[in-house]
Amino acid sequence: MAINGVEGEFTADGDSAAVPVFGHFNVSLSGFGAATVAVRRSFDRGQTWKDVDVFTENVERRGFEPEPAMLYKLTCSGYGSGPIQYRLSAR
């Protein structure tokens, strides 16, 4: 199976690219200084975004999205120091 995903690092407030998710997905965040990173989901092809979970420290998390055609992204806010390495991946 192909893996969809995005990885990089936050060095300021901002968003990762969006990833199509259906089924299991993974979130990895490390290197936190002072910031909040939200896992966000869109039901309408990226027009609006809703928080699924919010983190302020390193995390390895798995989740499940039961609906097809959902987009997910990571949003960093309140950035104070870092960098924060991130990875969001799904099948």
PDB file of N, CA and C in Angstrom:
ATOM      1  N   MET A   1       0.836  -1.189   0.000  1.00  0.00           N
ATOM      2  CA  MET A   1       0.000   0.000   0.000  1.00  0.00           C
ATOM      3  C   MET A   1       0.875   1.243   0.000  1.00  0.00           C
ATOM      4  N   ALA A   2       0.410   2.261  -0.668  1.00  0.00           N
ATOM      5  CA  ALA A   2       1.134   3.529  -0.703  1.00  0.00           C
ATOM      6  C   ALA A   2       0.917   4.294   0.598  1.00  0.00           C
ATOM      7  N   ILE A   3       1.932   5.018   0.994  1.00  0.00           N
ATOM      8  CA  ILE A   3       1.841   5.851   2.192  1.00  0.00           C
ATOM      9  C   ILE A   3       1.760   7.309   1.767  1.00  0.00           C
ATOM     10  N   ASN A   4       0.738   8.018   2.247  1.00  0.00           N
ATOM     11  CA  ASN A   4       0.633   9.466   2.084  1.00  0.00           C
ATOM     12  C   ASN A   4       1.291  10.076   3.295  1.00  0.00           C
ATOM     13  N   GLY A   5       1.956  11.191   3.139  1.00  0.00           N
ATOM     14  CA  GLY A   5       2.513  11.793   4.326  1.00  0.00           C
ATOM     15  C   GLY A   5       3.202  13.103   4.065  1.00  0.00           C
ATOM     16  N   VAL A   6       3.525  13.748   5.152  1.00  0.00           N
ATOM     17  CA  VAL A   6       4.263  14.993   5.125  1.00  0.00           C
ATOM     18  C   VAL A   6       5.167  15.005   6.345  1.00  0.00           C
ATOM     19  N   GLU A   7       6.380  15.517   6.164  1.00  0.00           N
ATOM     20  CA  GLU A   7       7.273  15.669   7.299  1.00  0.00           C
ATOM     21  C   GLU A   7       8.115  16.915   7.098  1.00  0.00           C
ATOM     22  N   GLY A   8       8.589  17.449   8.203  1.00  0.00           N
ATOM     23  CA  GLY A   8       9.391  18.661   8.163  1.00  0.00           C
ATOM     24  C   GLY A   8       9.610  19.171   9.564  1.00  0.00           C
ATOM     25  N   GLU A   9       9.808  20.492   9.672  1.00  0.00           N
ATOM     26  CA  GLU A   9       9.953  21.084  10.997  1.00  0.00           C
ATOM     27  C   GLU A   9       9.333  22.468  11.018  1.00  0.00           C
ATOM     28  N   PHE A  10       8.751  22.770  12.168  1.00  0.00           N
ATOM     29  CA  PHE A  10       8.224  24.111  12.403  1.00  0.00           C
ATOM     30  C   PHE A  10       9.312  24.943  13.059  1.00  0.00           C
ATOM     31  N   THR A  11       9.554  26.138  12.525  1.00  0.00           N
ATOM     32  CA  THR A  11      10.464  27.100  13.135  1.00  0.00           C
ATOM     33  C   THR A  11       9.743  28.439  13.329  1.00  0.00           C
ATOM     34  N   ALA A  12       8.439  28.405  13.149  1.00  0.00           N
ATOM     35  CA  ALA A  12       7.560  29.567  13.333  1.00  0.00           C
ATOM     36  C   ALA A  12       6.124  29.043  13.301  1.00  0.00           C
ATOM     37  N   ASP A  13       5.164  29.904  13.599  1.00  0.00           N
ATOM     38  CA  ASP A  13       3.762  29.522  13.456  1.00  0.00           C
ATOM     39  C   ASP A  13       3.490  29.184  11.993  1.00  0.00           C
ATOM     40  N   GLY A  14       2.645  28.187  11.755  1.00  0.00           N
ATOM     41  CA  GLY A  14       2.294  27.837  10.384  1.00  0.00           C
ATOM     42  C   GLY A  14       1.659  26.480  10.277  1.00  0.00           C
ATOM     43  N   ASP A  15       1.411  26.063   9.036  1.00  0.00           N
ATOM     44  CA  ASP A  15       0.732  24.807   8.736  1.00  0.00           C
ATOM     45  C   ASP A  15       1.634  23.880   7.937  1.00  0.00           C
ATOM     46  N   SER A  16       1.458  22.588   8.144  1.00  0.00           N
ATOM     47  CA  SER A  16       2.057  21.596   7.243  1.00  0.00           C
ATOM     48  C   SER A  16       1.176  21.530   5.999  1.00  0.00           C
ATOM     49  N   ALA A  17       1.634  20.810   5.000  1.00  0.00           N
ATOM     50  CA  ALA A  17       0.770  20.504   3.857  1.00  0.00           C
ATOM     51  C   ALA A  17      -0.341  19.567   4.340  1.00  0.00           C
ATOM     52  N   ALA A  18      -1.438  19.511   3.602  1.00  0.00           N
ATOM     53  CA  ALA A  18      -2.551  18.624   3.933  1.00  0.00           C
ATOM     54  C   ALA A  18      -2.302  17.226   3.369  1.00  0.00           C
ATOM     55  N   VAL A  19      -2.808  16.227   4.098  1.00  0.00           N
ATOM     56  CA  VAL A  19      -2.639  14.818   3.734  1.00  0.00           C
ATOM     57  C   VAL A  19      -4.020  14.165   3.683  1.00  0.00           C
ATOM     58  N   PRO A  20      -4.367  13.453   2.591  1.00  0.00           N
ATOM     59  CA  PRO A  20      -5.627  12.715   2.586  1.00  0.00           C
ATOM     60  C   PRO A  20      -5.526  11.520   3.532  1.00  0.00           C
ATOM     61  N   VAL A  21      -6.534  11.363   4.381  1.00  0.00           N
ATOM     62  CA  VAL A  21      -6.521  10.292   5.385  1.00  0.00           C
ATOM     63  C   VAL A  21      -7.836   9.524   5.331  1.00  0.00           C
ATOM     64  N   PHE A  22      -7.712   8.195   5.301  1.00  0.00           N
ATOM     65  CA  PHE A  22      -8.855   7.293   5.446  1.00  0.00           C
ATOM     66  C   PHE A  22      -8.292   6.032   6.077  1.00  0.00           C
ATOM     67  N   GLY A  23      -8.737   5.730   7.286  1.00  0.00           N
ATOM     68  CA  GLY A  23      -8.198   4.587   8.021  1.00  0.00           C
ATOM     69  C   GLY A  23      -7.168   5.046   9.037  1.00  0.00           C
ATOM     70  N   HIS A  24      -6.167   4.216   9.267  1.00  0.00           N
ATOM     71  CA  HIS A  24      -5.159   4.502  10.283  1.00  0.00           C
ATOM     72  C   HIS A  24      -4.203   5.602   9.835  1.00  0.00           C
ATOM     73  N   PHE A  25      -3.770   6.424  10.809  1.00  0.00           N
ATOM     74  CA  PHE A  25      -2.766   7.446  10.531  1.00  0.00           C
ATOM     75  C   PHE A  25      -1.846   7.577  11.735  1.00  0.00           C
ATOM     76  N   ASN A  26      -0.679   8.185  11.509  1.00  0.00           N
ATOM     77  CA  ASN A  26       0.335   8.381  12.554  1.00  0.00           C
ATOM     78  C   ASN A  26       0.697   9.851  12.660  1.00  0.00           C
ATOM     79  N   VAL A  27       0.984  10.284  13.890  1.00  0.00           N
ATOM     80  CA  VAL A  27       1.477  11.633  14.152  1.00  0.00           C
ATOM     81  C   VAL A  27       2.723  11.506  15.017  1.00  0.00           C
ATOM     82  N   SER A  28       3.790  12.161  14.607  1.00  0.00           N
ATOM     83  CA  SER A  28       5.025  12.185  15.382  1.00  0.00           C
ATOM     84  C   SER A  28       5.478  13.634  15.519  1.00  0.00           C
ATOM     85  N   LEU A  29       5.697  14.076  16.762  1.00  0.00           N
ATOM     86  CA  LEU A  29       6.173  15.430  17.049  1.00  0.00           C
ATOM     87  C   LEU A  29       7.312  15.338  18.041  1.00  0.00           C
ATOM     88  N   SER A  30       8.414  16.054  17.788  1.00  0.00           N
ATOM     89  CA  SER A  30       9.534  16.044  18.731  1.00  0.00           C
ATOM     90  C   SER A  30      10.307  17.355  18.652  1.00  0.00           C
ATOM     91  N   GLY A  31      10.998  17.665  19.746  1.00  0.00           N
ATOM     92  CA  GLY A  31      11.839  18.852  19.794  1.00  0.00           C
ATOM     93  C   GLY A  31      11.141  20.080  20.345  1.00  0.00           C
ATOM     94  N   PHE A  32      10.046  19.893  21.060  1.00  0.00           N
ATOM     95  CA  PHE A  32       9.277  21.039  21.549  1.00  0.00           C
ATOM     96  C   PHE A  32      10.100  21.960  22.428  1.00  0.00           C
ATOM     97  N   GLY A  33       9.976  23.249  22.161  1.00  0.00           N
ATOM     98  CA  GLY A  33      10.394  24.290  23.074  1.00  0.00           C
ATOM     99  C   GLY A  33       9.103  24.833  23.669  1.00  0.00           C
ATOM    100  N   ALA A  34       8.636  25.935  23.130  1.00  0.00           N
ATOM    101  CA  ALA A  34       7.367  26.513  23.548  1.00  0.00           C
ATOM    102  C   ALA A  34       6.502  26.670  22.304  1.00  0.00           C
ATOM    103  N   ALA A  35       5.442  25.903  22.215  1.00  0.00           N
ATOM    104  CA  ALA A  35       4.519  25.972  21.073  1.00  0.00           C
ATOM    105  C   ALA A  35       3.355  25.029  21.321  1.00  0.00           C
ATOM    106  N   THR A  36       2.345  25.161  20.494  1.00  0.00           N
ATOM    107  CA  THR A  36       1.214  24.243  20.464  1.00  0.00           C
ATOM    108  C   THR A  36       1.077  23.745  19.033  1.00  0.00           C
ATOM    109  N   VAL A  37       0.916  22.435  18.865  1.00  0.00           N
ATOM    110  CA  VAL A  37       0.687  21.871  17.538  1.00  0.00           C
ATOM    111  C   VAL A  37      -0.645  21.131  17.567  1.00  0.00           C
ATOM    112  N   ALA A  38      -1.535  21.524  16.659  1.00  0.00           N
ATOM    113  CA  ALA A  38      -2.848  20.897  16.554  1.00  0.00           C
ATOM    114  C   ALA A  38      -2.891  19.976  15.348  1.00  0.00           C
ATOM    115  N   VAL A  39      -3.505  18.813  15.520  1.00  0.00           N
ATOM    116  CA  VAL A  39      -3.858  17.940  14.403  1.00  0.00           C
ATOM    117  C   VAL A  39      -5.248  18.392  13.991  1.00  0.00           C
ATOM    118  N   ARG A  40      -5.399  18.746  12.703  1.00  0.00           N
ATOM    119  CA  ARG A  40      -6.665  19.328  12.247  1.00  0.00           C
ATOM    120  C   ARG A  40      -7.230  18.531  11.074  1.00  0.00           C
ATOM    121  N   ARG A  41      -8.569  18.517  10.972  1.00  0.00           N
ATOM    122  CA  ARG A  41      -9.272  17.753   9.942  1.00  0.00           C
ATOM    123  C   ARG A  41     -10.220  18.675   9.189  1.00  0.00           C
ATOM    124  N   SER A  42     -10.331  18.425   7.874  1.00  0.00           N
ATOM    125  CA  SER A  42     -11.271  19.178   7.039  1.00  0.00           C
ATOM    126  C   SER A  42     -12.258  18.221   6.390  1.00  0.00           C
ATOM    127  N   PHE A  43     -13.532  18.572   6.493  1.00  0.00           N
ATOM    128  CA  PHE A  43     -14.605  17.803   5.865  1.00  0.00           C
ATOM    129  C   PHE A  43     -14.952  18.350   4.483  1.00  0.00           C
ATOM    130  N   ASP A  44     -14.398  19.534   4.136  1.00  0.00           N
ATOM    131  CA  ASP A  44     -14.818  20.228   2.917  1.00  0.00           C
ATOM    132  C   ASP A  44     -13.641  20.629   2.020  1.00  0.00           C
ATOM    133  N   ARG A  45     -12.719  19.692   1.848  1.00  0.00           N
ATOM    134  CA  ARG A  45     -11.569  19.866   0.945  1.00  0.00           C
ATOM    135  C   ARG A  45     -10.667  21.040   1.313  1.00  0.00           C
ATOM    136  N   GLY A  46     -10.542  21.296   2.611  1.00  0.00           N
ATOM    137  CA  GLY A  46      -9.607  22.312   3.073  1.00  0.00           C
ATOM    138  C   GLY A  46     -10.157  23.705   3.229  1.00  0.00           C
ATOM    139  N   GLN A  47     -11.474  23.875   3.092  1.00  0.00           N
ATOM    140  CA  GLN A  47     -12.066  25.201   3.265  1.00  0.00           C
ATOM    141  C   GLN A  47     -12.117  25.600   4.739  1.00  0.00           C
ATOM    142  N   THR A  48     -12.503  24.653   5.597  1.00  0.00           N
ATOM    143  CA  THR A  48     -12.532  24.892   7.041  1.00  0.00           C
ATOM    144  C   THR A  48     -11.832  23.734   7.741  1.00  0.00           C
ATOM    145  N   TRP A  49     -11.272  24.018   8.917  1.00  0.00           N
ATOM    146  CA  TRP A  49     -10.491  23.028   9.665  1.00  0.00           C
ATOM    147  C   TRP A  49     -10.985  22.963  11.100  1.00  0.00           C
ATOM    148  N   LYS A  50     -11.049  21.755  11.649  1.00  0.00           N
ATOM    149  CA  LYS A  50     -11.452  21.503  13.043  1.00  0.00           C
ATOM    150  C   LYS A  50     -10.322  20.764  13.744  1.00  0.00           C
ATOM    151  N   ASP A  51     -10.045  21.131  14.999  1.00  0.00           N
ATOM    152  CA  ASP A  51      -9.020  20.433  15.777  1.00  0.00           C
ATOM    153  C   ASP A  51      -9.481  19.027  16.139  1.00  0.00           C
ATOM    154  N   VAL A  52      -8.585  18.058  15.923  1.00  0.00           N
ATOM    155  CA  VAL A  52      -8.801  16.670  16.323  1.00  0.00           C
ATOM    156  C   VAL A  52      -8.098  16.426  17.656  1.00  0.00           C
ATOM    157  N   ASP A  53      -6.884  16.981  17.800  1.00  0.00           N
ATOM    158  CA  ASP A  53      -6.089  16.848  19.022  1.00  0.00           C
ATOM    159  C   ASP A  53      -5.096  18.003  19.064  1.00  0.00           C
ATOM    160  N   VAL A  54      -4.612  18.328  20.260  1.00  0.00           N
ATOM    161  CA  VAL A  54      -3.668  19.428  20.449  1.00  0.00           C
ATOM    162  C   VAL A  54      -2.555  18.959  21.371  1.00  0.00           C
ATOM    163  N   PHE A  55      -1.299  19.288  21.009  1.00  0.00           N
ATOM    164  CA  PHE A  55      -0.139  18.838  21.774  1.00  0.00           C
ATOM    165  C   PHE A  55       0.778  20.013  22.112  1.00  0.00           C
ATOM    166  N   THR A  56       1.420  19.909  23.288  1.00  0.00           N
ATOM    167  CA  THR A  56       2.409  20.900  23.721  1.00  0.00           C
ATOM    168  C   THR A  56       3.715  20.230  24.132  1.00  0.00           C
ATOM    169  N   GLU A  57       3.855  18.941  23.786  1.00  0.00           N
ATOM    170  CA  GLU A  57       5.077  18.205  24.100  1.00  0.00           C
ATOM    171  C   GLU A  57       5.256  17.078  23.089  1.00  0.00           C
ATOM    172  N   ASN A  58       6.444  16.467  23.107  1.00  0.00           N
ATOM    173  CA  ASN A  58       6.738  15.377  22.179  1.00  0.00           C
ATOM    174  C   ASN A  58       5.669  14.297  22.266  1.00  0.00           C
ATOM    175  N   VAL A  59       5.350  13.703  21.101  1.00  0.00           N
ATOM    176  CA  VAL A  59       4.297  12.690  21.084  1.00  0.00           C
ATOM    177  C   VAL A  59       4.482  11.744  19.894  1.00  0.00           C
ATOM    178  N   GLU A  60       4.109  10.507  20.092  1.00  0.00           N
ATOM    179  CA  GLU A  60       3.944   9.507  19.040  1.00  0.00           C
ATOM    180  C   GLU A  60       2.519   9.006  19.193  1.00  0.00           C
ATOM    181  N   ARG A  61       1.682   9.232  18.201  1.00  0.00           N
ATOM    182  CA  ARG A  61       0.265   8.908  18.335  1.00  0.00           C
ATOM    183  C   ARG A  61      -0.252   8.251  17.073  1.00  0.00           C
ATOM    184  N   ARG A  62      -1.132   7.292  17.244  1.00  0.00           N
ATOM    185  CA  ARG A  62      -1.843   6.670  16.140  1.00  0.00           C
ATOM    186  C   ARG A  62      -3.312   7.020  16.254  1.00  0.00           C
ATOM    187  N   GLY A  63      -3.971   7.158  15.116  1.00  0.00           N
ATOM    188  CA  GLY A  63      -5.389   7.459  15.110  1.00  0.00           C
ATOM    189  C   GLY A  63      -6.091   6.705  14.000  1.00  0.00           C
ATOM    190  N   PHE A  64      -7.394   6.870  13.940  1.00  0.00           N
ATOM    191  CA  PHE A  64      -8.196   6.210  12.909  1.00  0.00           C
ATOM    192  C   PHE A  64      -9.244   7.191  12.404  1.00  0.00           C
ATOM    193  N   GLU A  65      -9.321   7.341  11.097  1.00  0.00           N
ATOM    194  CA  GLU A  65     -10.329   8.189  10.451  1.00  0.00           C
ATOM    195  C   GLU A  65     -11.294   7.289   9.684  1.00  0.00           C
ATOM    196  N   PRO A  66     -12.568   7.190  10.126  1.00  0.00           N
ATOM    197  CA  PRO A  66     -13.511   6.272   9.497  1.00  0.00           C
ATOM    198  C   PRO A  66     -14.146   6.789   8.203  1.00  0.00           C
ATOM    199  N   GLU A  67     -14.043   8.092   7.926  1.00  0.00           N
ATOM    200  CA  GLU A  67     -14.687   8.652   6.734  1.00  0.00           C
ATOM    201  C   GLU A  67     -13.695   8.843   5.600  1.00  0.00           C
ATOM    202  N   PRO A  68     -14.067   8.459   4.378  1.00  0.00           N
ATOM    203  CA  PRO A  68     -13.177   8.720   3.247  1.00  0.00           C
ATOM    204  C   PRO A  68     -13.152  10.210   2.892  1.00  0.00           C
ATOM    205  N   ALA A  69     -12.126  10.613   2.178  1.00  0.00           N
ATOM    206  CA  ALA A  69     -11.994  11.975   1.631  1.00  0.00           C
ATOM    207  C   ALA A  69     -11.782  13.048   2.690  1.00  0.00           C
ATOM    208  N   MET A  70     -11.209  12.687   3.833  1.00  0.00           N
ATOM    209  CA  MET A  70     -10.861  13.685   4.842  1.00  0.00           C
ATOM    210  C   MET A  70      -9.433  14.173   4.602  1.00  0.00           C
ATOM    211  N   LEU A  71      -9.192  15.437   4.833  1.00  0.00           N
ATOM    212  CA  LEU A  71      -7.842  15.988   4.791  1.00  0.00           C
ATOM    213  C   LEU A  71      -7.396  16.281   6.210  1.00  0.00           C
ATOM    214  N   TYR A  72      -6.130  16.006   6.502  1.00  0.00           N
ATOM    215  CA  TYR A  72      -5.536  16.312   7.794  1.00  0.00           C
ATOM    216  C   TYR A  72      -4.307  17.190   7.582  1.00  0.00           C
ATOM    217  N   LYS A  73      -4.000  18.026   8.559  1.00  0.00           N
ATOM    218  CA  LYS A  73      -2.768  18.808   8.552  1.00  0.00           C
ATOM    219  C   LYS A  73      -2.377  19.092   9.990  1.00  0.00           C
ATOM    220  N   LEU A  74      -1.169  19.599  10.172  1.00  0.00           N
ATOM    221  CA  LEU A  74      -0.684  20.038  11.479  1.00  0.00           C
ATOM    222  C   LEU A  74      -0.565  21.552  11.453  1.00  0.00           C
ATOM    223  N   THR A  75      -0.952  22.198  12.563  1.00  0.00           N
ATOM    224  CA  THR A  75      -0.858  23.644  12.669  1.00  0.00           C
ATOM    225  C   THR A  75      -0.092  24.000  13.932  1.00  0.00           C
ATOM    226  N   CYS A  76       0.988  24.756  13.768  1.00  0.00           N
ATOM    227  CA  CYS A  76       1.802  25.221  14.893  1.00  0.00           C
ATOM    228  C   CYS A  76       1.386  26.640  15.235  1.00  0.00           C
ATOM    229  N   SER A  77       1.160  26.903  16.525  1.00  0.00           N
ATOM    230  CA  SER A  77       0.825  28.251  16.979  1.00  0.00           C
ATOM    231  C   SER A  77       1.547  28.533  18.290  1.00  0.00           C
ATOM    232  N   GLY A  78       1.701  29.803  18.602  1.00  0.00           N
ATOM    233  CA  GLY A  78       2.368  30.198  19.838  1.00  0.00           C
ATOM    234  C   GLY A  78       3.830  29.813  19.862  1.00  0.00           C
ATOM    235  N   TYR A  79       4.454  29.751  18.677  1.00  0.00           N
ATOM    236  CA  TYR A  79       5.843  29.303  18.584  1.00  0.00           C
ATOM    237  C   TYR A  79       6.754  30.217  19.398  1.00  0.00           C
ATOM    238  N   GLY A  80       7.606  29.571  20.217  1.00  0.00           N
ATOM    239  CA  GLY A  80       8.551  30.325  21.026  1.00  0.00           C
ATOM    240  C   GLY A  80       9.986  29.887  20.793  1.00  0.00           C
ATOM    241  N   SER A  81      10.184  28.581  20.621  1.00  0.00           N
ATOM    242  CA  SER A  81      11.522  28.053  20.346  1.00  0.00           C
ATOM    243  C   SER A  81      11.380  26.659  19.771  1.00  0.00           C
ATOM    244  N   GLY A  82      12.453  26.139  19.265  1.00  0.00           N
ATOM    245  CA  GLY A  82      12.381  24.821  18.633  1.00  0.00           C
ATOM    246  C   GLY A  82      13.685  24.526  17.963  1.00  0.00           C
ATOM    247  N   PRO A  83      13.727  23.900  16.835  1.00  0.00           N
ATOM    248  CA  PRO A  83      12.641  23.540  15.927  1.00  0.00           C
ATOM    249  C   PRO A  83      11.829  22.332  16.404  1.00  0.00           C
ATOM    250  N   ILE A  84      10.616  22.209  15.877  1.00  0.00           N
ATOM    251  CA  ILE A  84       9.744  21.082  16.189  1.00  0.00           C
ATOM    252  C   ILE A  84       9.664  20.201  14.941  1.00  0.00           C
ATOM    253  N   GLN A  85      10.178  18.987  15.036  1.00  0.00           N
ATOM    254  CA  GLN A  85      10.102  18.052  13.913  1.00  0.00           C
ATOM    255  C   GLN A  85       8.725  17.394  13.918  1.00  0.00           C
ATOM    256  N   TYR A  86       8.145  17.267  12.712  1.00  0.00           N
ATOM    257  CA  TYR A  86       6.835  16.651  12.611  1.00  0.00           C
ATOM    258  C   TYR A  86       6.780  15.637  11.475  1.00  0.00           C
ATOM    259  N   ARG A  87       5.864  14.693  11.648  1.00  0.00           N
ATOM    260  CA  ARG A  87       5.530  13.725  10.594  1.00  0.00           C
ATOM    261  C   ARG A  87       4.068  13.349  10.770  1.00  0.00           C
ATOM    262  N   LEU A  88       3.328  13.396   9.677  1.00  0.00           N
ATOM    263  CA  LEU A  88       1.928  12.982   9.631  1.00  0.00           C
ATOM    264  C   LEU A  88       1.825  12.031   8.447  1.00  0.00           C
ATOM    265  N   SER A  89       1.428  10.794   8.700  1.00  0.00           N
ATOM    266  CA  SER A  89       1.372   9.811   7.606  1.00  0.00           C
ATOM    267  C   SER A  89       0.128   8.940   7.706  1.00  0.00           C
ATOM    268  N   ALA A  90      -0.318   8.458   6.537  1.00  0.00           N
ATOM    269  CA  ALA A  90      -1.508   7.608   6.463  1.00  0.00           C
ATOM    270  C   ALA A  90      -1.383   6.694   5.255  1.00  0.00           C
ATOM    271  N   ARG A  91      -2.150   5.620   5.236  1.00  0.00           N
ATOM    272  CA  ARG A  91      -2.197   4.728   4.069  1.00  0.00           C
ATOM    273  C   ARG A  91      -3.163   5.273   3.066  1.00  0.00           C
TER     274      ARG A  91
END
